[in-house]
Amino acid sequence: MKTEVATFCAIGAGACAVSHALNAFVSAPATSETPVRHLRANTVKQAAATSGNATTVVLASAAGLVAATGKSRHSRTQRKSRGGFETSKSEEIFTEAKDLMPGGVSSPVRAFKSVGGNPVVFDKVKGAYAWDVDGNQYIDYVGTWGPAIIGHADDKVLKALTKQMEKGTSFGAPCALENELAKMVIDAVPSVEMVRFTNSGTEACMGMLRLVRAFTKRDVVVKFEGCYHGHGDAFLVQAGSGVATLGLPDSPGVPKGATTSTLCAQYNDLESVEELLKNNEVAAVILEPVVGNSGFIPPTKEFLVGLRELTTKYGALLVFDEVMTGFRIAYGGAQEYFGVTPDVTTMGKVIGGGLPVGAYGGRKDIMEMVAPAGPMYQAGTLSGNPLAMTAGIETMKRLQEPGSYEYLDKLTGKLINGILDAAKENGHKVCGGHISGMFGFFFCEGPVTCFADATKSDTEKFAKWHRMMLQK
């Protein structure tokens, strides 16, 4: 891919511009740390600055870094005097929305109580940029939570979608596009021999959970503290993403019985996993192979290799939730990057190119349990939607172009290293890193290797930085 036209995660266009905002932040005096909930900043997946209270923190995707995700506590007059940042139309629309939708949003991760103020309302996006209804232009590091890895409203993707829309938007029947995208996924992801498309990452994880239990004839599953696998009942235990940010470790409305078979281990701690495997008949160990939902927390290679060995030893399946990491840290996901192959994989986001999509796949003998090939039922009217398949196919074609991931890695490294260096030079405790287009940092000394470490991040400092980024 030619570097002059690539806009992966908007980092290309934003790496230089973000430095101006950083100068304003790092010149602010360092403040005392407040041990509260975690901070997240990575280029992918759900949850830019979310709502919460004094003990919670923003979950910012690579874009919580800039103006695309949040607002200042200051009045409109103050904001305007600090650089012309006027958001009166956003305020009006969001005020109306609060009477129409819970909290004024269709997903809680779009509200910004943890960082102050209300979210801006978007009007249009293109490439590395977003525009709100007041006409403000932003550098967008969110990329619609990951799917816009090649940039917003890519011309080739839009052209293919326009052509497909002339044929129809939903068939409720098989279409050849499903075969095409399925072959691309199977060719790319080491663990996948068969795949089932769904409409979201949550739906993919719910189908996966039923599948691993059906295949192993066991009920208990092991997840990790701070890892998020969608809002299915069984997964809302010590979860990351908006669950943690809102200060809701467990959600009302989830029956006790729904979570009694979900056990939690500590990330990067094999002993905590083996203890659970020894004492329970476990169907599967499920994890984010690189944590993004409670901050950017990479695994050690030994941890992933150890999980593969332990699950094989105790007869459990190993599941990588690659809704966030899939096609993002490498074309074949985290399993290609680390060289560790799970039994089952969940996917989403990138494979829909910005349209609603999810998928789960794995070994053929496991996947043939899924109806109508097998007895485990799962269905969806819009699954395999021709528009989603088209956007996914065209996005993955772009990612296959030579040099794509090398370019993404180079730009992401420049951005996150600049942030870390500037913060340290001005006396702020900070740690972080990146893998390809996925990155993040915490306002604490670190290292951060698990959710407990992430809770030590100074979230008041992050909220201040977030607001100052908006003003710049």
Protein backbone atom coordinates (compact mmCIF):
# COMPACT_ATOMS: atom_id res chain seq x y z
CA MET A 1 0.00 0.00 0.00
CA LYS A 2 1.29 3.44 -0.83
CA THR A 3 1.97 5.32 2.36
CA GLU A 4 0.69 8.57 0.94
CA VAL A 5 -2.84 7.21 0.65
CA ALA A 6 -3.04 5.00 3.72
CA THR A 7 -5.03 6.32 6.65
CA PHE A 8 -4.89 3.36 9.01
CA CYS A 9 -6.70 4.28 12.21
CA ALA A 10 -6.13 7.93 11.32
CA ILE A 11 -2.69 7.73 12.85
CA GLY A 12 -1.00 8.77 9.65
CA ALA A 13 -2.74 12.10 9.50
CA GLY A 14 -2.81 12.66 13.22
CA ALA A 15 0.68 11.76 14.43
CA CYS A 16 2.06 15.25 13.87
CA ALA A 17 -1.04 17.24 14.73
CA VAL A 18 -1.48 15.49 18.06
CA SER A 19 1.89 16.79 19.25
CA HIS A 20 0.48 20.32 19.52
CA ALA A 21 -2.14 19.17 21.98
CA LEU A 22 0.43 17.14 23.86
CA ASN A 23 2.49 20.26 24.43
CA ALA A 24 -0.43 21.85 26.23
CA PHE A 25 -0.97 18.80 28.40
CA VAL A 26 2.56 17.97 29.38
CA SER A 27 3.28 21.54 30.38
CA ALA A 28 0.62 21.20 33.07
CA PRO A 29 2.09 20.33 36.48
CA ALA A 30 1.96 16.70 37.50
CA THR A 31 -0.72 15.96 40.07
CA SER A 32 -0.85 13.37 42.81
CA GLU A 33 -2.06 9.96 41.72
CA THR A 34 -5.51 8.80 42.64
CA PRO A 35 -5.85 5.00 42.72
CA VAL A 36 -9.10 4.52 40.88
CA ARG A 37 -10.37 2.47 38.02
CA HIS A 38 -8.54 1.83 34.82
CA LEU A 39 -7.77 3.96 31.81
CA ARG A 40 -7.83 2.70 28.32
CA ALA A 41 -6.42 4.16 25.18
CA ASN A 42 -6.07 1.89 22.19
CA THR A 43 -6.86 2.18 18.56
CA VAL A 44 -9.45 -0.46 18.56
CA LYS A 45 -12.69 -1.58 19.94
CA GLN A 46 -15.58 -0.27 21.96
CA ALA A 47 -15.62 2.41 24.55
CA ALA A 48 -14.24 5.84 24.13
CA ALA A 49 -14.54 7.93 27.22
CA THR A 50 -17.50 6.43 28.96
CA SER A 51 -19.77 7.62 31.69
CA GLY A 52 -19.13 6.81 35.32
CA ASN A 53 -18.46 8.42 38.66
CA ALA A 54 -15.55 9.64 40.74
CA THR A 55 -14.19 6.13 41.15
CA THR A 56 -14.31 5.18 37.49
CA VAL A 57 -12.21 6.02 34.51
CA VAL A 58 -12.54 6.72 30.86
CA LEU A 59 -12.09 3.88 28.45
CA ALA A 60 -10.67 5.67 25.47
CA SER A 61 -9.92 3.95 22.22
CA ALA A 62 -6.97 5.21 20.24
CA ALA A 63 -9.15 8.03 19.87
CA GLY A 64 -10.03 8.92 23.32
CA LEU A 65 -6.78 10.63 22.64
CA VAL A 66 -8.29 13.46 20.70
CA ALA A 67 -11.23 15.63 20.07
CA ALA A 68 -13.35 12.95 18.51
CA THR A 69 -14.38 11.62 21.88
CA GLY A 70 -15.44 13.93 24.61
CA LYS A 71 -16.08 17.39 25.95
CA SER A 72 -14.84 19.85 28.45
CA ARG A 73 -16.60 20.76 31.66
CA HIS A 74 -16.20 24.42 30.74
CA SER A 75 -19.10 26.52 29.54
CA ARG A 76 -19.57 27.14 25.83
CA THR A 77 -18.34 30.69 26.31
CA GLN A 78 -15.15 29.46 27.94
CA ARG A 79 -14.65 26.82 25.27
CA LYS A 80 -15.10 29.32 22.48
CA SER A 81 -12.63 31.71 24.08
CA ARG A 82 -10.06 28.91 24.23
CA GLY A 83 -9.88 28.35 20.50
CA GLY A 84 -13.35 28.57 18.99
CA PHE A 85 -14.54 25.15 20.12
CA GLU A 86 -18.31 25.74 19.92
CA THR A 87 -20.70 22.81 20.45
CA SER A 88 -24.13 24.37 20.90
CA LYS A 89 -25.81 22.14 18.29
CA SER A 90 -24.31 19.03 19.88
CA GLU A 91 -25.60 20.17 23.25
CA GLU A 92 -29.08 20.72 21.83
CA ILE A 93 -29.23 17.35 20.11
CA PHE A 94 -27.84 15.47 23.11
CA THR A 95 -30.26 17.20 25.48
CA GLU A 96 -33.15 16.03 23.31
CA ALA A 97 -31.64 12.54 23.08
CA LYS A 98 -31.69 12.11 26.85
CA ASP A 99 -35.50 12.19 26.73
CA LEU A 100 -35.57 9.68 23.89
CA MET A 101 -32.89 7.11 24.77
CA PRO A 102 -31.44 5.96 28.13
CA GLY A 103 -28.63 8.38 28.90
CA GLY A 104 -29.07 9.91 25.47
CA VAL A 105 -27.09 7.16 23.73
CA SER A 106 -27.55 3.81 22.02
CA SER A 107 -24.48 2.43 23.79
CA PRO A 108 -23.21 3.56 27.22
CA VAL A 109 -19.62 3.79 26.00
CA ARG A 110 -20.54 6.88 23.98
CA ALA A 111 -21.23 9.06 27.02
CA PHE A 112 -18.44 10.87 28.87
CA LYS A 113 -19.31 11.37 32.51
CA SER A 114 -15.90 10.14 33.64
CA VAL A 115 -14.15 12.92 31.75
CA GLY A 116 -16.79 15.60 32.13
CA GLY A 117 -19.35 17.12 29.81
CA ASN A 118 -21.42 15.60 27.03
CA PRO A 119 -20.35 13.81 23.87
CA VAL A 120 -20.15 15.72 20.62
CA VAL A 121 -22.61 14.66 17.92
CA PHE A 122 -21.02 13.62 14.64
CA ASP A 123 -22.26 14.65 11.23
CA LYS A 124 -19.78 13.08 8.79
CA VAL A 125 -16.42 11.33 8.56
CA LYS A 126 -13.76 10.89 5.91
CA GLY A 127 -10.31 9.36 6.05
CA ALA A 128 -8.64 10.40 9.30
CA TYR A 129 -11.16 13.09 10.13
CA ALA A 130 -14.59 13.60 11.68
CA TRP A 131 -16.89 16.63 11.67
CA ASP A 132 -19.56 17.34 14.27
CA VAL A 133 -22.91 19.05 13.77
CA ASP A 134 -21.35 22.40 14.77
CA GLY A 135 -18.78 22.12 12.00
CA ASN A 136 -15.77 21.36 14.23
CA GLN A 137 -13.19 19.15 12.55
CA TYR A 138 -11.41 16.45 14.56
CA ILE A 139 -8.59 14.02 14.05
CA ASP A 140 -10.29 10.71 14.82
CA TYR A 141 -8.29 8.02 16.59
CA VAL A 142 -11.38 5.90 17.29
CA GLY A 143 -12.04 4.74 13.74
CA THR A 144 -15.60 3.75 14.74
CA TRP A 145 -13.99 1.52 17.39
CA GLY A 146 -11.76 -0.31 14.94
CA PRO A 147 -13.65 -1.11 11.73
CA ALA A 148 -12.33 2.01 9.95
CA ILE A 149 -8.78 0.68 10.06
CA ILE A 150 -8.18 1.91 6.50
CA GLY A 151 -9.83 5.25 7.19
CA HIS A 152 -13.42 6.45 7.21
CA ALA A 153 -15.59 6.27 4.10
CA ASP A 154 -12.89 4.68 1.95
CA ASP A 155 -13.63 5.35 -1.73
CA LYS A 156 -13.20 1.72 -2.82
CA VAL A 157 -15.44 0.44 -0.04
CA LEU A 158 -18.12 3.04 -0.80
CA LYS A 159 -18.03 2.21 -4.51
CA ALA A 160 -18.52 -1.49 -3.81
CA LEU A 161 -21.36 -0.75 -1.37
CA THR A 162 -23.13 1.48 -3.88
CA LYS A 163 -22.96 -1.28 -6.47
CA GLN A 164 -24.30 -3.84 -3.99
CA MET A 165 -27.14 -1.57 -2.80
CA GLU A 166 -28.49 -1.54 -6.33
CA LYS A 167 -28.98 -5.30 -5.93
CA GLY A 168 -30.61 -5.03 -2.51
CA THR A 169 -29.72 -4.57 1.13
CA SER A 170 -31.00 -7.80 2.69
CA PHE A 171 -31.87 -11.16 1.20
CA GLY A 172 -32.80 -13.41 4.13
CA ALA A 173 -31.22 -16.11 2.00
CA PRO A 174 -27.69 -17.26 1.17
CA CYS A 175 -25.54 -15.05 -1.05
CA ALA A 176 -22.22 -15.68 -2.75
CA LEU A 177 -20.60 -12.84 -0.80
CA GLU A 178 -20.75 -14.97 2.36
CA ASN A 179 -18.58 -17.60 0.68
CA GLU A 180 -16.09 -14.99 -0.44
CA LEU A 181 -15.64 -13.42 2.98
CA ALA A 182 -15.66 -16.82 4.70
CA LYS A 183 -12.78 -17.99 2.51
CA MET A 184 -10.82 -14.83 3.32
CA VAL A 185 -11.33 -15.36 7.06
CA ILE A 186 -10.41 -19.05 6.89
CA ASP A 187 -7.29 -18.30 4.86
CA ALA A 188 -6.22 -15.57 7.28
CA VAL A 189 -6.93 -16.94 10.75
CA PRO A 190 -4.92 -20.05 11.75
CA SER A 191 -7.58 -21.60 14.02
CA VAL A 192 -10.53 -21.18 11.66
CA GLU A 193 -11.59 -24.07 9.42
CA MET A 194 -15.26 -23.11 9.37
CA VAL A 195 -16.97 -19.84 10.27
CA ARG A 196 -20.46 -18.63 11.23
CA PHE A 197 -21.33 -14.96 10.63
CA THR A 198 -23.38 -12.95 13.13
CA ASN A 199 -24.34 -9.29 13.53
CA SER A 200 -22.08 -8.19 16.38
CA GLY A 201 -19.16 -9.20 18.53
CA THR A 202 -21.49 -9.79 21.45
CA GLU A 203 -23.63 -12.13 19.37
CA ALA A 204 -20.52 -13.97 18.21
CA CYS A 205 -19.39 -14.47 21.81
CA MET A 206 -22.83 -15.68 22.88
CA GLY A 207 -22.82 -18.24 20.07
CA MET A 208 -19.26 -19.27 20.95
CA LEU A 209 -20.20 -19.82 24.58
CA ARG A 210 -23.07 -22.12 23.70
CA LEU A 211 -20.83 -23.95 21.23
CA VAL A 212 -17.97 -24.71 23.63
CA ARG A 213 -20.42 -26.00 26.21
CA ALA A 214 -22.22 -28.15 23.65
CA PHE A 215 -18.97 -29.60 22.28
CA THR A 216 -17.33 -30.41 25.63
CA LYS A 217 -20.56 -31.27 27.48
CA ARG A 218 -19.28 -29.06 30.31
CA ASP A 219 -20.79 -25.87 31.71
CA VAL A 220 -17.99 -24.01 33.48
CA VAL A 221 -15.95 -21.41 31.61
CA VAL A 222 -12.93 -19.39 32.74
CA LYS A 223 -12.49 -15.73 31.78
CA PHE A 224 -10.08 -13.07 33.01
CA GLU A 225 -10.56 -10.01 35.20
CA GLY A 226 -11.00 -6.91 33.04
CA CYS A 227 -11.63 -8.81 29.81
CA TYR A 228 -14.88 -7.98 28.02
CA HIS A 229 -16.72 -10.41 25.75
CA GLY A 230 -19.92 -8.55 25.03
CA HIS A 231 -22.97 -7.98 27.20
CA GLY A 232 -24.18 -11.58 27.38
CA ASP A 233 -25.25 -12.54 30.90
CA ALA A 234 -22.50 -15.10 31.47
CA PHE A 235 -19.75 -12.62 30.63
CA LEU A 236 -20.79 -9.71 32.87
CA VAL A 237 -18.46 -10.80 35.65
CA GLN A 238 -15.43 -8.62 36.42
CA ALA A 239 -15.69 -7.35 32.85
CA GLY A 240 -13.87 -4.50 31.17
CA SER A 241 -15.14 -1.87 28.73
CA GLY A 242 -18.09 0.25 29.80
CA VAL A 243 -19.00 -2.21 32.55
CA ALA A 244 -15.93 -1.27 34.59
CA THR A 245 -16.01 2.38 33.63
CA LEU A 246 -19.57 2.77 34.85
CA GLY A 247 -18.62 1.15 38.15
CA LEU A 248 -20.85 -1.87 37.49
CA PRO A 249 -18.84 -5.02 38.26
CA ASP A 250 -22.06 -7.00 37.95
CA SER A 251 -25.19 -5.86 36.15
CA PRO A 252 -28.70 -5.86 37.62
CA GLY A 253 -30.99 -8.10 35.63
CA VAL A 254 -28.47 -10.91 35.35
CA PRO A 255 -29.77 -13.97 37.25
CA LYS A 256 -27.30 -15.46 39.71
CA GLY A 257 -27.53 -18.74 37.89
CA ALA A 258 -26.26 -17.13 34.69
CA THR A 259 -22.84 -16.39 36.19
CA THR A 260 -22.32 -19.26 38.63
CA SER A 261 -20.54 -21.20 35.89
CA THR A 262 -18.24 -18.31 35.01
CA LEU A 263 -14.94 -18.30 36.90
CA CYS A 264 -12.37 -15.50 36.78
CA ALA A 265 -8.59 -15.80 36.66
CA GLN A 266 -5.88 -13.13 36.62
CA TYR A 267 -4.39 -12.16 33.28
CA ASN A 268 -0.76 -13.19 32.72
CA ASP A 269 -0.98 -15.54 35.74
CA LEU A 270 -0.92 -19.22 34.74
CA GLU A 271 -1.13 -20.46 38.32
CA SER A 272 -4.52 -18.81 38.78
CA VAL A 273 -5.76 -20.58 35.65
CA GLU A 274 -4.45 -24.02 36.55
CA GLU A 275 -5.99 -23.79 40.01
CA LEU A 276 -9.42 -23.37 38.38
CA LEU A 277 -8.80 -26.10 35.82
CA LYS A 278 -7.74 -28.56 38.52
CA ASN A 279 -10.87 -28.08 40.60
CA ASN A 280 -13.54 -27.73 37.92
CA GLU A 281 -14.73 -29.44 34.76
CA VAL A 282 -14.03 -26.47 32.49
CA ALA A 283 -15.48 -26.20 28.99
CA ALA A 284 -13.22 -23.36 27.81
CA VAL A 285 -10.75 -20.71 28.81
CA ILE A 286 -11.73 -17.47 27.07
CA LEU A 287 -9.57 -14.36 26.80
CA GLU A 288 -8.66 -11.27 24.86
CA PRO A 289 -5.23 -12.32 23.51
CA VAL A 290 -4.22 -8.67 23.91
CA VAL A 291 -6.43 -6.85 26.43
CA GLY A 292 -8.01 -3.70 25.11
CA ASN A 293 -11.11 -3.38 27.22
CA SER A 294 -9.36 -2.42 30.45
CA GLY A 295 -6.44 -0.65 28.89
CA PHE A 296 -3.74 -1.89 26.54
CA ILE A 297 -2.37 -4.95 28.36
CA PRO A 298 -0.24 -7.30 26.24
CA PRO A 299 0.25 -10.93 27.23
CA THR A 300 3.59 -12.58 27.68
CA LYS A 301 4.32 -15.21 25.06
CA GLU A 302 4.78 -17.70 27.91
CA PHE A 303 1.28 -16.93 29.17
CA LEU A 304 -0.39 -17.74 25.85
CA VAL A 305 1.76 -20.83 25.28
CA GLY A 306 0.98 -21.94 28.83
CA LEU A 307 -2.76 -21.52 28.28
CA ARG A 308 -2.53 -23.68 25.18
CA GLU A 309 -0.75 -26.40 27.14
CA LEU A 310 -3.02 -26.22 30.19
CA THR A 311 -6.28 -26.34 28.25
CA THR A 312 -5.06 -29.34 26.28
CA LYS A 313 -3.95 -31.07 29.50
CA TYR A 314 -7.32 -30.58 31.23
CA GLY A 315 -9.57 -31.20 28.22
CA ALA A 316 -10.83 -27.63 27.90
CA LEU A 317 -11.04 -25.56 24.74
CA LEU A 318 -8.95 -22.40 24.29
CA VAL A 319 -10.88 -19.42 22.91
CA PHE A 320 -9.36 -16.18 21.64
CA ASP A 321 -11.81 -13.28 21.53
CA GLU A 322 -10.32 -11.40 18.58
CA VAL A 323 -13.19 -8.98 18.07
CA MET A 324 -10.66 -6.25 18.85
CA THR A 325 -7.33 -7.78 17.82
CA GLY A 326 -8.52 -9.61 14.71
CA PHE A 327 -7.03 -8.24 11.47
CA ARG A 328 -5.67 -5.38 13.55
CA ILE A 329 -2.38 -6.38 15.16
CA ALA A 330 -1.75 -8.72 12.24
CA TYR A 331 -3.78 -9.93 9.28
CA GLY A 332 -4.22 -13.28 11.01
CA GLY A 333 -4.87 -11.64 14.37
CA ALA A 334 -3.12 -12.22 17.68
CA GLN A 335 -2.83 -15.93 17.02
CA GLU A 336 -0.71 -15.26 13.96
CA TYR A 337 1.31 -12.57 15.76
CA PHE A 338 2.13 -14.73 18.80
CA GLY A 339 2.15 -18.11 17.04
CA VAL A 340 -0.37 -19.68 19.43
CA THR A 341 -3.45 -21.33 17.89
CA PRO A 342 -6.69 -21.53 19.91
CA ASP A 343 -9.54 -23.96 19.24
CA VAL A 344 -12.21 -21.30 18.67
CA THR A 345 -12.01 -17.62 17.70
CA THR A 346 -14.54 -14.80 17.85
CA MET A 347 -14.28 -11.85 15.47
CA GLY A 348 -16.04 -8.63 14.50
CA LYS A 349 -15.47 -4.99 13.62
CA VAL A 350 -12.82 -5.06 10.86
CA ILE A 351 -14.45 -7.96 9.00
CA GLY A 352 -17.54 -5.77 8.50
CA GLY A 353 -15.64 -2.72 7.33
CA GLY A 354 -17.88 -0.40 9.36
CA LEU A 355 -21.17 -2.28 9.01
CA PRO A 356 -22.68 -4.48 11.76
CA VAL A 357 -20.93 -7.86 11.78
CA GLY A 358 -19.52 -10.57 13.98
CA ALA A 359 -18.28 -14.12 13.49
CA TYR A 360 -17.06 -17.15 15.35
CA GLY A 361 -15.05 -19.98 13.91
CA GLY A 362 -12.71 -22.81 14.74
CA ARG A 363 -11.84 -26.41 14.05
CA LYS A 364 -14.23 -28.17 11.70
CA ASP A 365 -15.17 -30.87 14.21
CA ILE A 366 -16.19 -28.17 16.70
CA MET A 367 -18.03 -25.96 14.23
CA GLU A 368 -20.07 -28.86 12.85
CA MET A 369 -21.93 -28.81 16.16
CA VAL A 370 -23.68 -25.63 14.95
CA ALA A 371 -27.15 -25.95 13.38
CA PRO A 372 -28.12 -26.99 10.81
CA ALA A 373 -25.00 -29.19 10.59
CA GLY A 374 -25.37 -30.11 14.27
CA PRO A 375 -27.68 -29.79 17.28
CA MET A 376 -26.47 -26.47 18.76
CA TYR A 377 -28.93 -23.79 17.68
CA GLN A 378 -27.97 -20.23 16.74
CA ALA A 379 -29.54 -18.04 14.08
CA GLY A 380 -29.87 -14.46 12.86
CA THR A 381 -32.10 -12.83 10.24
CA LEU A 382 -29.44 -10.35 9.10
CA SER A 383 -26.42 -12.62 9.55
CA GLY A 384 -24.31 -12.64 6.38
CA ASN A 385 -25.96 -9.41 5.25
CA PRO A 386 -24.73 -8.61 1.71
CA LEU A 387 -23.73 -5.04 2.58
CA ALA A 388 -21.69 -6.10 5.61
CA MET A 389 -20.06 -8.86 3.59
CA THR A 390 -19.17 -6.40 0.83
CA ALA A 391 -17.63 -3.85 3.19
CA GLY A 392 -15.66 -6.56 4.93
CA ILE A 393 -14.33 -8.03 1.69
CA GLU A 394 -13.15 -4.67 0.38
CA THR A 395 -11.55 -3.69 3.70
CA MET A 396 -9.66 -6.97 3.92
CA LYS A 397 -8.46 -6.59 0.36
CA ARG A 398 -6.85 -3.30 1.36
CA LEU A 399 -5.23 -4.88 4.39
CA GLN A 400 -3.69 -7.58 2.21
CA GLU A 401 -1.70 -5.02 0.25
CA PRO A 402 2.07 -5.23 0.85
CA GLY A 403 3.44 -3.12 3.67
CA SER A 404 0.07 -2.35 5.30
CA TYR A 405 0.87 -3.59 8.77
CA GLU A 406 4.47 -2.42 8.70
CA TYR A 407 3.21 1.08 7.95
CA LEU A 408 0.59 0.90 10.67
CA ASP A 409 3.16 -0.28 13.20
CA LYS A 410 5.59 2.49 12.30
CA LEU A 411 3.02 5.26 12.68
CA THR A 412 1.53 3.87 15.88
CA GLY A 413 4.97 3.57 17.42
CA LYS A 414 5.76 7.17 16.54
CA LEU A 415 2.53 8.34 18.15
CA ILE A 416 2.61 6.38 21.41
CA ASN A 417 6.35 6.87 21.95
CA GLY A 418 5.89 10.60 21.46
CA ILE A 419 3.12 10.65 24.05
CA LEU A 420 5.13 8.64 26.58
CA ASP A 421 8.33 10.64 26.07
CA ALA A 422 6.57 14.00 26.33
CA ALA A 423 4.73 12.98 29.50
CA LYS A 424 7.88 11.68 31.20
CA GLU A 425 9.88 14.75 30.24
CA ASN A 426 7.33 16.87 32.08
CA GLY A 427 7.25 14.84 35.25
CA HIS A 428 4.19 12.65 34.76
CA LYS A 429 4.20 9.00 35.80
CA VAL A 430 3.19 7.08 32.69
CA CYS A 431 3.61 3.68 31.04
CA GLY A 432 2.31 2.09 27.86
CA GLY A 433 3.14 0.59 24.51
CA HIS A 434 1.73 -0.79 21.28
CA ILE A 435 1.44 -3.76 18.98
CA SER A 436 0.83 -2.74 15.39
CA GLY A 437 -2.21 -0.42 15.41
CA MET A 438 -3.24 -1.22 18.97
CA PHE A 439 -1.79 0.97 21.69
CA GLY A 440 -2.47 2.49 25.06
CA PHE A 441 -1.03 4.11 28.14
CA PHE A 442 -1.71 4.54 31.84
CA PHE A 443 -0.95 7.42 34.18
CA CYS A 444 1.02 5.28 36.63
CA GLU A 445 4.58 3.97 36.88
CA GLY A 446 3.68 0.46 35.75
CA PRO A 447 4.24 -2.06 34.48
CA VAL A 448 0.58 -2.93 33.90
CA THR A 449 0.19 -6.67 33.38
CA CYS A 450 -3.37 -7.25 34.62
CA PHE A 451 -6.58 -5.48 35.56
CA ALA A 452 -5.49 -4.91 39.16
CA ASP A 453 -2.46 -3.00 37.90
CA ALA A 454 -4.66 -0.96 35.56
CA THR A 455 -6.81 0.28 38.44
CA LYS A 456 -3.79 2.21 39.76
CA SER A 457 -3.94 4.64 36.86
CA ASP A 458 -4.62 8.29 37.76
CA THR A 459 -7.94 8.80 36.05
CA GLU A 460 -8.42 12.39 37.20
CA LYS A 461 -5.25 13.23 35.33
CA PHE A 462 -6.52 11.41 32.25
CA ALA A 463 -9.80 13.34 32.37
CA LYS A 464 -7.87 16.62 32.49
CA TRP A 465 -5.69 15.55 29.58
CA HIS A 466 -8.75 14.42 27.64
CA ARG A 467 -10.43 17.80 28.02
CA MET A 468 -7.29 19.68 27.06
CA MET A 469 -6.95 17.55 23.93
CA LEU A 470 -10.47 18.59 22.95
CA GLN A 471 -9.69 22.24 23.45
CA LYS A 472 -6.67 21.87 21.16
